[in-house]
């Protein structure tokens, strides 16, 4: 199978999580569980809201444990196919003046022999943010596996 060619403003991260699709889906869409993976290992979730339906909004506020910087995320779900697909807009800003324009996140869930293949495709990224975005999603998927296997 050949790897698809991605647009210049797009990154893709894939990982097999050692948990069934239903658990991974729940860890992603249940606010109590989503708060545990906190957008990365250096963050704590302050507030989270997930309305996982087409047109439903999501918001999350996180705080960096080391610097104290607070990040505000928001978006709208464009597509929701339970245990298969989430597509949502993604916008963030920080309390220290950092802000990026809206981008788009597509998260695919597929059952595989060893668990669930999660494929995250993040597009419409600003120039120069691909490396940090890839590192962030990679960190998140590691935490997601811990949450999904214990849920």
N, C-alpha and C. Protein backbone atom coordinates (compact mmCIF):
# COMPACT_ATOMS: atom_id res chain seq x y z
N UNK A 1 0.84 -1.17 0.00
CA UNK A 1 0.00 0.00 0.00
C UNK A 1 0.89 1.24 0.00
N UNK A 2 0.64 2.16 -0.91
CA UNK A 2 1.45 3.37 -0.98
C UNK A 2 0.87 4.43 -0.06
N UNK A 3 1.76 5.22 0.47
CA UNK A 3 1.36 6.30 1.37
C UNK A 3 0.79 7.44 0.52
N UNK A 4 -0.37 7.99 0.91
CA UNK A 4 -0.96 9.07 0.12
C UNK A 4 -0.08 10.32 0.15
N UNK A 5 -0.12 11.06 -0.93
CA UNK A 5 0.59 12.32 -0.99
C UNK A 5 -0.24 13.37 -0.26
N UNK A 6 0.39 14.06 0.67
CA UNK A 6 -0.32 15.07 1.46
C UNK A 6 -0.06 16.46 0.90
N UNK A 7 -1.02 17.33 1.05
CA UNK A 7 -0.87 18.73 0.65
C UNK A 7 0.23 19.36 1.50
N UNK A 8 0.86 20.41 1.00
CA UNK A 8 1.96 21.06 1.73
C UNK A 8 1.57 21.60 3.11
N UNK A 9 0.28 21.87 3.34
CA UNK A 9 -0.16 22.42 4.62
C UNK A 9 -0.72 21.35 5.55
N UNK A 10 -0.36 20.08 5.31
CA UNK A 10 -0.99 18.95 6.00
C UNK A 10 0.05 18.02 6.62
N UNK A 11 -0.28 17.49 7.80
CA UNK A 11 0.51 16.42 8.42
C UNK A 11 -0.41 15.25 8.71
N UNK A 12 0.19 14.08 8.81
CA UNK A 12 -0.59 12.89 9.15
C UNK A 12 0.21 12.05 10.14
N UNK A 13 -0.47 11.61 11.20
CA UNK A 13 0.13 10.77 12.22
C UNK A 13 -0.74 9.52 12.35
N UNK A 14 -0.10 8.36 12.38
CA UNK A 14 -0.82 7.09 12.51
C UNK A 14 -0.21 6.29 13.65
N UNK A 15 -1.08 5.59 14.36
CA UNK A 15 -0.58 4.73 15.43
C UNK A 15 -1.63 3.66 15.73
N UNK A 16 -1.16 2.46 15.99
CA UNK A 16 -2.05 1.39 16.44
C UNK A 16 -2.07 1.44 17.96
N UNK A 17 -3.27 1.59 18.51
CA UNK A 17 -3.45 1.60 19.97
C UNK A 17 -3.95 0.22 20.39
N UNK A 18 -3.41 -0.30 21.47
CA UNK A 18 -3.73 -1.65 21.94
C UNK A 18 -5.04 -1.65 22.73
N UNK A 19 -6.10 -1.24 22.06
CA UNK A 19 -7.44 -1.20 22.66
C UNK A 19 -8.45 -1.31 21.54
N UNK A 20 -9.63 -1.88 21.83
CA UNK A 20 -10.66 -1.98 20.78
C UNK A 20 -11.19 -0.60 20.38
N UNK A 21 -11.74 -0.52 19.18
CA UNK A 21 -12.25 0.75 18.65
C UNK A 21 -13.23 1.41 19.62
N UNK A 22 -14.13 0.65 20.20
CA UNK A 22 -15.13 1.24 21.10
C UNK A 22 -14.47 1.99 22.26
N UNK A 23 -13.41 1.44 22.82
CA UNK A 23 -12.70 2.12 23.92
C UNK A 23 -11.96 3.37 23.46
N UNK A 24 -11.33 3.27 22.29
CA UNK A 24 -10.60 4.43 21.77
C UNK A 24 -11.58 5.55 21.44
N UNK A 25 -12.69 5.20 20.82
CA UNK A 25 -13.73 6.19 20.49
C UNK A 25 -14.23 6.87 21.77
N UNK A 26 -14.51 6.06 22.78
CA UNK A 26 -15.00 6.62 24.05
C UNK A 26 -13.96 7.54 24.69
N UNK A 27 -12.70 7.15 24.65
CA UNK A 27 -11.64 7.98 25.23
C UNK A 27 -11.54 9.32 24.50
N UNK A 28 -11.89 9.34 23.21
CA UNK A 28 -11.81 10.57 22.43
C UNK A 28 -13.05 11.44 22.61
N UNK A 29 -14.22 10.82 22.85
CA UNK A 29 -15.48 11.58 22.80
C UNK A 29 -16.14 11.79 24.17
N UNK A 30 -15.69 11.12 25.18
CA UNK A 30 -16.23 11.30 26.54
C UNK A 30 -15.39 12.38 27.23
N UNK A 31 -16.00 13.52 27.59
CA UNK A 31 -15.20 14.61 28.18
C UNK A 31 -14.38 14.20 29.40
N UNK A 32 -14.91 13.33 30.25
CA UNK A 32 -14.16 12.91 31.44
C UNK A 32 -12.89 12.16 31.07
N UNK A 33 -12.96 11.35 30.02
CA UNK A 33 -11.78 10.61 29.57
C UNK A 33 -10.86 11.51 28.73
N UNK A 34 -11.44 12.33 27.88
CA UNK A 34 -10.63 13.24 27.05
C UNK A 34 -9.81 14.18 27.92
N UNK A 35 -10.32 14.57 29.05
CA UNK A 35 -9.58 15.45 29.96
C UNK A 35 -8.30 14.78 30.46
N UNK A 36 -8.27 13.46 30.47
CA UNK A 36 -7.10 12.74 30.98
C UNK A 36 -5.92 12.73 30.01
N UNK A 37 -6.19 12.92 28.71
CA UNK A 37 -5.05 12.95 27.79
C UNK A 37 -4.62 14.37 27.47
N UNK A 38 -5.39 15.34 27.82
CA UNK A 38 -4.97 16.74 27.99
C UNK A 38 -4.16 17.39 26.88
N UNK A 39 -4.24 16.97 25.67
CA UNK A 39 -3.50 17.60 24.56
C UNK A 39 -2.00 17.50 24.71
N UNK A 40 -1.52 16.62 25.55
CA UNK A 40 -0.09 16.41 25.65
C UNK A 40 0.34 16.19 27.09
N UNK A 41 1.49 15.58 27.24
CA UNK A 41 1.94 15.18 28.56
C UNK A 41 2.31 16.33 29.47
N UNK A 42 2.56 17.52 28.93
CA UNK A 42 2.95 18.65 29.79
C UNK A 42 1.77 19.55 30.16
N UNK A 43 0.54 19.13 29.83
CA UNK A 43 -0.64 19.97 30.06
C UNK A 43 -1.64 19.31 31.00
N UNK A 44 -2.39 20.15 31.70
CA UNK A 44 -3.55 19.72 32.48
C UNK A 44 -4.77 20.36 31.85
N UNK A 45 -5.86 19.61 31.75
CA UNK A 45 -7.11 20.18 31.26
C UNK A 45 -7.78 20.94 32.38
N UNK A 46 -8.19 22.17 32.09
CA UNK A 46 -8.91 23.01 33.05
C UNK A 46 -10.41 22.83 32.83
N UNK A 47 -10.85 22.91 31.58
CA UNK A 47 -12.26 22.78 31.21
C UNK A 47 -12.33 22.10 29.85
N UNK A 48 -13.34 21.24 29.66
CA UNK A 48 -13.54 20.62 28.35
C UNK A 48 -15.04 20.44 28.12
N UNK A 49 -15.44 20.64 26.87
CA UNK A 49 -16.82 20.42 26.45
C UNK A 49 -16.79 19.80 25.06
N UNK A 50 -17.50 18.70 24.88
CA UNK A 50 -17.55 17.99 23.60
C UNK A 50 -19.00 17.70 23.23
N UNK A 51 -19.46 18.23 22.13
CA UNK A 51 -20.79 17.93 21.59
C UNK A 51 -20.57 17.21 20.27
N UNK A 52 -20.30 15.91 20.36
CA UNK A 52 -19.86 15.13 19.20
C UNK A 52 -21.02 14.75 18.29
N UNK A 53 -21.45 15.74 17.52
CA UNK A 53 -22.47 15.55 16.50
C UNK A 53 -22.19 16.59 15.42
N UNK A 54 -22.60 16.33 14.19
CA UNK A 54 -22.37 17.34 13.15
C UNK A 54 -22.97 18.69 13.56
N UNK A 55 -22.15 19.72 13.50
CA UNK A 55 -22.58 21.05 13.93
C UNK A 55 -22.35 21.32 15.41
N UNK A 56 -22.00 20.28 16.17
CA UNK A 56 -21.75 20.44 17.60
C UNK A 56 -20.38 21.07 17.84
N UNK A 57 -20.29 21.82 18.91
CA UNK A 57 -19.05 22.53 19.23
C UNK A 57 -18.21 21.74 20.23
N UNK A 58 -16.92 22.01 20.21
CA UNK A 58 -16.03 21.50 21.25
C UNK A 58 -15.15 22.65 21.70
N UNK A 59 -14.83 22.66 22.98
CA UNK A 59 -13.92 23.65 23.55
C UNK A 59 -13.07 22.95 24.60
N UNK A 60 -11.87 23.46 24.76
CA UNK A 60 -11.01 22.93 25.81
C UNK A 60 -10.02 24.02 26.22
N UNK A 61 -9.81 24.10 27.51
CA UNK A 61 -8.81 25.01 28.07
C UNK A 61 -7.80 24.15 28.79
N UNK A 62 -6.51 24.34 28.47
CA UNK A 62 -5.45 23.57 29.11
C UNK A 62 -4.39 24.51 29.65
N UNK A 63 -3.62 24.02 30.61
CA UNK A 63 -2.54 24.82 31.20
C UNK A 63 -1.26 24.01 31.20
N UNK A 64 -0.19 24.67 30.75
CA UNK A 64 1.13 24.05 30.76
C UNK A 64 1.62 23.98 32.20
N UNK A 65 1.97 22.78 32.66
CA UNK A 65 2.40 22.59 34.05
C UNK A 65 3.67 23.37 34.39
N UNK A 66 4.58 23.53 33.43
CA UNK A 66 5.85 24.19 33.69
C UNK A 66 5.76 25.71 33.58
N UNK A 67 5.21 26.20 32.49
CA UNK A 67 5.21 27.65 32.24
C UNK A 67 3.97 28.36 32.78
N UNK A 68 2.89 27.61 33.03
CA UNK A 68 1.64 28.23 33.46
C UNK A 68 0.84 28.81 32.31
N UNK A 69 1.37 28.74 31.08
CA UNK A 69 0.65 29.29 29.93
C UNK A 69 -0.65 28.52 29.74
N UNK A 70 -1.72 29.27 29.44
CA UNK A 70 -3.03 28.67 29.24
C UNK A 70 -3.39 28.75 27.76
N UNK A 71 -3.90 27.64 27.23
CA UNK A 71 -4.30 27.54 25.83
C UNK A 71 -5.80 27.31 25.75
N UNK A 72 -6.42 27.95 24.78
CA UNK A 72 -7.86 27.84 24.56
C UNK A 72 -8.08 27.26 23.17
N UNK A 73 -8.74 26.11 23.10
CA UNK A 73 -9.03 25.43 21.84
C UNK A 73 -10.53 25.45 21.59
N UNK A 74 -10.90 25.52 20.32
CA UNK A 74 -12.31 25.44 19.99
C UNK A 74 -12.47 24.97 18.55
N UNK A 75 -13.66 24.45 18.27
CA UNK A 75 -13.95 24.02 16.91
C UNK A 75 -15.38 23.54 16.81
N UNK A 76 -15.72 23.10 15.61
CA UNK A 76 -17.06 22.58 15.33
C UNK A 76 -16.89 21.24 14.61
N UNK A 77 -17.67 20.25 15.03
CA UNK A 77 -17.64 18.95 14.36
C UNK A 77 -18.38 19.05 13.03
N UNK A 78 -17.67 18.69 11.96
CA UNK A 78 -18.27 18.70 10.63
C UNK A 78 -18.81 17.34 10.24
N UNK A 79 -18.12 16.27 10.64
CA UNK A 79 -18.56 14.91 10.36
C UNK A 79 -18.34 14.07 11.61
N UNK A 80 -19.33 13.23 11.92
CA UNK A 80 -19.23 12.30 13.04
C UNK A 80 -19.86 10.98 12.60
N UNK A 81 -19.03 9.95 12.53
CA UNK A 81 -19.49 8.60 12.25
C UNK A 81 -18.99 7.74 13.40
N UNK A 82 -19.86 7.43 14.37
CA UNK A 82 -19.42 6.74 15.58
C UNK A 82 -18.50 5.55 15.32
N UNK A 83 -17.41 5.56 16.09
CA UNK A 83 -16.39 4.52 16.06
C UNK A 83 -15.68 4.40 14.71
N UNK A 84 -15.80 5.42 13.87
CA UNK A 84 -15.14 5.41 12.57
C UNK A 84 -14.46 6.72 12.20
N UNK A 85 -15.13 7.87 12.42
CA UNK A 85 -14.61 9.13 11.90
C UNK A 85 -15.08 10.33 12.70
N UNK A 86 -14.14 11.24 12.96
CA UNK A 86 -14.44 12.57 13.49
C UNK A 86 -13.70 13.58 12.60
N UNK A 87 -14.41 14.60 12.17
CA UNK A 87 -13.79 15.70 11.43
C UNK A 87 -14.25 16.98 12.11
N UNK A 88 -13.28 17.82 12.51
CA UNK A 88 -13.65 19.06 13.18
C UNK A 88 -12.68 20.18 12.85
N UNK A 89 -13.18 21.39 12.97
CA UNK A 89 -12.31 22.54 12.84
C UNK A 89 -11.50 22.65 14.12
N UNK A 90 -10.39 23.38 14.03
CA UNK A 90 -9.45 23.45 15.15
C UNK A 90 -8.85 24.86 15.17
N UNK A 91 -9.11 25.57 16.25
CA UNK A 91 -8.57 26.93 16.40
C UNK A 91 -8.02 27.04 17.82
N UNK A 92 -6.87 27.70 17.97
CA UNK A 92 -6.38 27.91 19.33
C UNK A 92 -5.69 29.25 19.47
N UNK A 93 -5.65 29.66 20.72
CA UNK A 93 -4.94 30.88 21.12
C UNK A 93 -4.45 30.66 22.54
N UNK A 94 -3.48 31.47 22.95
CA UNK A 94 -2.97 31.35 24.32
C UNK A 94 -3.17 32.66 25.06
N UNK A 95 -3.02 32.59 26.36
CA UNK A 95 -3.16 33.80 27.18
C UNK A 95 -1.93 34.71 27.05
N UNK A 96 -0.96 34.27 26.23
CA UNK A 96 0.27 35.07 26.04
C UNK A 96 0.37 35.63 24.63
N UNK A 97 -0.75 35.63 23.91
CA UNK A 97 -0.79 36.28 22.61
C UNK A 97 -0.60 35.41 21.40
N UNK A 98 -0.31 34.14 21.57
CA UNK A 98 -0.17 33.25 20.42
C UNK A 98 -1.56 32.90 19.90
N UNK A 99 -1.72 32.96 18.59
CA UNK A 99 -2.99 32.56 17.98
C UNK A 99 -2.73 32.07 16.57
N UNK A 100 -3.43 31.02 16.20
CA UNK A 100 -3.33 30.49 14.85
C UNK A 100 -4.71 30.47 14.23
N UNK A 101 -4.77 30.65 12.91
CA UNK A 101 -6.08 30.60 12.24
C UNK A 101 -6.65 29.19 12.28
N UNK A 102 -7.95 29.07 12.04
CA UNK A 102 -8.57 27.74 12.06
C UNK A 102 -7.93 26.78 11.07
N UNK A 103 -7.85 25.53 11.48
CA UNK A 103 -7.37 24.45 10.64
C UNK A 103 -8.40 23.33 10.70
N UNK A 104 -8.10 22.19 10.10
CA UNK A 104 -9.06 21.10 10.03
C UNK A 104 -8.39 19.80 10.46
N UNK A 105 -9.08 19.04 11.32
CA UNK A 105 -8.56 17.76 11.83
C UNK A 105 -9.52 16.64 11.43
N UNK A 106 -8.95 15.59 10.85
CA UNK A 106 -9.72 14.40 10.49
C UNK A 106 -9.11 13.24 11.27
N UNK A 107 -9.94 12.53 12.05
CA UNK A 107 -9.47 11.42 12.87
C UNK A 107 -10.24 10.17 12.44
N UNK A 108 -9.49 9.18 11.96
CA UNK A 108 -10.10 7.93 11.50
C UNK A 108 -9.74 6.82 12.47
N UNK A 109 -10.72 5.96 12.75
CA UNK A 109 -10.56 4.83 13.66
C UNK A 109 -10.85 3.55 12.88
N UNK A 110 -9.93 2.59 12.91
CA UNK A 110 -10.13 1.33 12.18
C UNK A 110 -9.66 0.17 13.04
N UNK A 111 -10.50 -0.84 13.13
CA UNK A 111 -10.13 -2.06 13.87
C UNK A 111 -9.05 -2.79 13.09
N UNK A 112 -8.00 -3.18 13.80
CA UNK A 112 -6.92 -3.99 13.24
C UNK A 112 -6.63 -5.12 14.22
N UNK A 113 -5.82 -6.06 13.80
CA UNK A 113 -5.56 -7.24 14.62
C UNK A 113 -5.08 -6.90 16.03
N UNK A 114 -4.22 -5.91 16.17
CA UNK A 114 -3.64 -5.58 17.48
C UNK A 114 -4.40 -4.49 18.24
N UNK A 115 -5.55 -4.04 17.71
CA UNK A 115 -6.30 -2.99 18.41
C UNK A 115 -6.99 -2.05 17.44
N UNK A 116 -6.63 -0.77 17.52
CA UNK A 116 -7.26 0.26 16.70
C UNK A 116 -6.19 1.11 16.03
N UNK A 117 -6.29 1.21 14.71
CA UNK A 117 -5.43 2.13 13.97
C UNK A 117 -6.11 3.50 14.00
N UNK A 118 -5.42 4.48 14.55
CA UNK A 118 -5.91 5.85 14.56
C UNK A 118 -5.05 6.63 13.57
N UNK A 119 -5.72 7.28 12.63
CA UNK A 119 -5.04 8.12 11.64
C UNK A 119 -5.54 9.54 11.80
N UNK A 120 -4.64 10.45 12.13
CA UNK A 120 -4.98 11.86 12.30
C UNK A 120 -4.37 12.63 11.14
N UNK A 121 -5.22 13.32 10.40
CA UNK A 121 -4.77 14.16 9.30
C UNK A 121 -5.16 15.60 9.65
N UNK A 122 -4.16 16.44 9.83
CA UNK A 122 -4.38 17.83 10.25
C UNK A 122 -3.95 18.73 9.09
N UNK A 123 -4.91 19.47 8.55
CA UNK A 123 -4.65 20.28 7.36
C UNK A 123 -4.95 21.76 7.62
N UNK A 124 -4.59 22.56 6.63
CA UNK A 124 -4.75 24.02 6.69
C UNK A 124 -3.84 24.64 7.75
N UNK A 125 -2.67 24.03 7.93
CA UNK A 125 -1.71 24.52 8.92
C UNK A 125 -0.91 25.68 8.36
N UNK A 126 -0.55 26.59 9.24
CA UNK A 126 0.30 27.70 8.85
C UNK A 126 1.72 27.18 8.56
N UNK A 127 2.40 27.90 7.70
CA UNK A 127 3.79 27.59 7.37
C UNK A 127 4.62 27.52 8.66
N UNK A 128 5.45 26.51 8.78
CA UNK A 128 6.33 26.40 9.93
C UNK A 128 5.76 25.69 11.13
N UNK A 129 4.51 25.22 11.08
CA UNK A 129 3.90 24.56 12.24
C UNK A 129 3.74 23.06 12.08
N UNK A 130 4.23 22.52 10.98
CA UNK A 130 4.04 21.09 10.74
C UNK A 130 4.81 20.22 11.75
N UNK A 131 6.04 20.58 12.05
CA UNK A 131 6.85 19.76 12.98
C UNK A 131 6.22 19.73 14.37
N UNK A 132 5.86 20.88 14.91
CA UNK A 132 5.27 20.94 16.26
C UNK A 132 3.91 20.23 16.29
N UNK A 133 3.15 20.35 15.21
CA UNK A 133 1.84 19.69 15.15
C UNK A 133 2.02 18.18 15.14
N UNK A 134 2.96 17.68 14.36
CA UNK A 134 3.24 16.25 14.32
C UNK A 134 3.69 15.75 15.69
N UNK A 135 4.59 16.47 16.33
CA UNK A 135 5.07 16.09 17.67
C UNK A 135 3.93 16.08 18.67
N UNK A 136 3.06 17.07 18.60
CA UNK A 136 1.93 17.15 19.53
C UNK A 136 0.98 15.97 19.37
N UNK A 137 0.60 15.66 18.12
CA UNK A 137 -0.31 14.53 17.90
C UNK A 137 0.35 13.21 18.30
N UNK A 138 1.64 13.08 18.08
CA UNK A 138 2.35 11.86 18.47
C UNK A 138 2.29 11.67 19.99
N UNK A 139 2.54 12.74 20.73
CA UNK A 139 2.46 12.71 22.19
C UNK A 139 1.04 12.37 22.64
N UNK A 140 0.06 13.00 22.03
CA UNK A 140 -1.34 12.78 22.38
C UNK A 140 -1.72 11.31 22.17
N UNK A 141 -1.31 10.71 21.07
CA UNK A 141 -1.67 9.32 20.82
C UNK A 141 -1.05 8.38 21.85
N UNK A 142 0.12 8.69 22.35
CA UNK A 142 0.70 7.89 23.43
C UNK A 142 -0.15 7.95 24.69
N UNK A 143 -0.58 9.15 25.04
CA UNK A 143 -1.45 9.31 26.21
C UNK A 143 -2.82 8.68 25.96
N UNK A 144 -3.32 8.83 24.75
CA UNK A 144 -4.62 8.25 24.40
C UNK A 144 -4.61 6.74 24.60
N UNK A 145 -3.51 6.09 24.24
CA UNK A 145 -3.44 4.65 24.43
C UNK A 145 -3.54 4.29 25.91
N UNK A 146 -2.88 5.03 26.76
CA UNK A 146 -2.96 4.77 28.20
C UNK A 146 -4.39 4.92 28.70
N UNK A 147 -5.07 5.96 28.27
CA UNK A 147 -6.46 6.20 28.69
C UNK A 147 -7.38 5.10 28.14
N UNK A 148 -7.24 4.79 26.85
CA UNK A 148 -8.13 3.81 26.21
C UNK A 148 -7.95 2.41 26.79
N UNK A 149 -6.74 2.04 27.14
CA UNK A 149 -6.53 0.69 27.69
C UNK A 149 -6.97 0.58 29.14
N UNK A 150 -7.15 1.71 29.81
CA UNK A 150 -7.60 1.66 31.21
C UNK A 150 -9.07 2.04 31.36
N UNK A 151 -9.71 2.45 30.27
CA UNK A 151 -11.13 2.88 30.35
C UNK A 151 -12.06 1.73 30.54
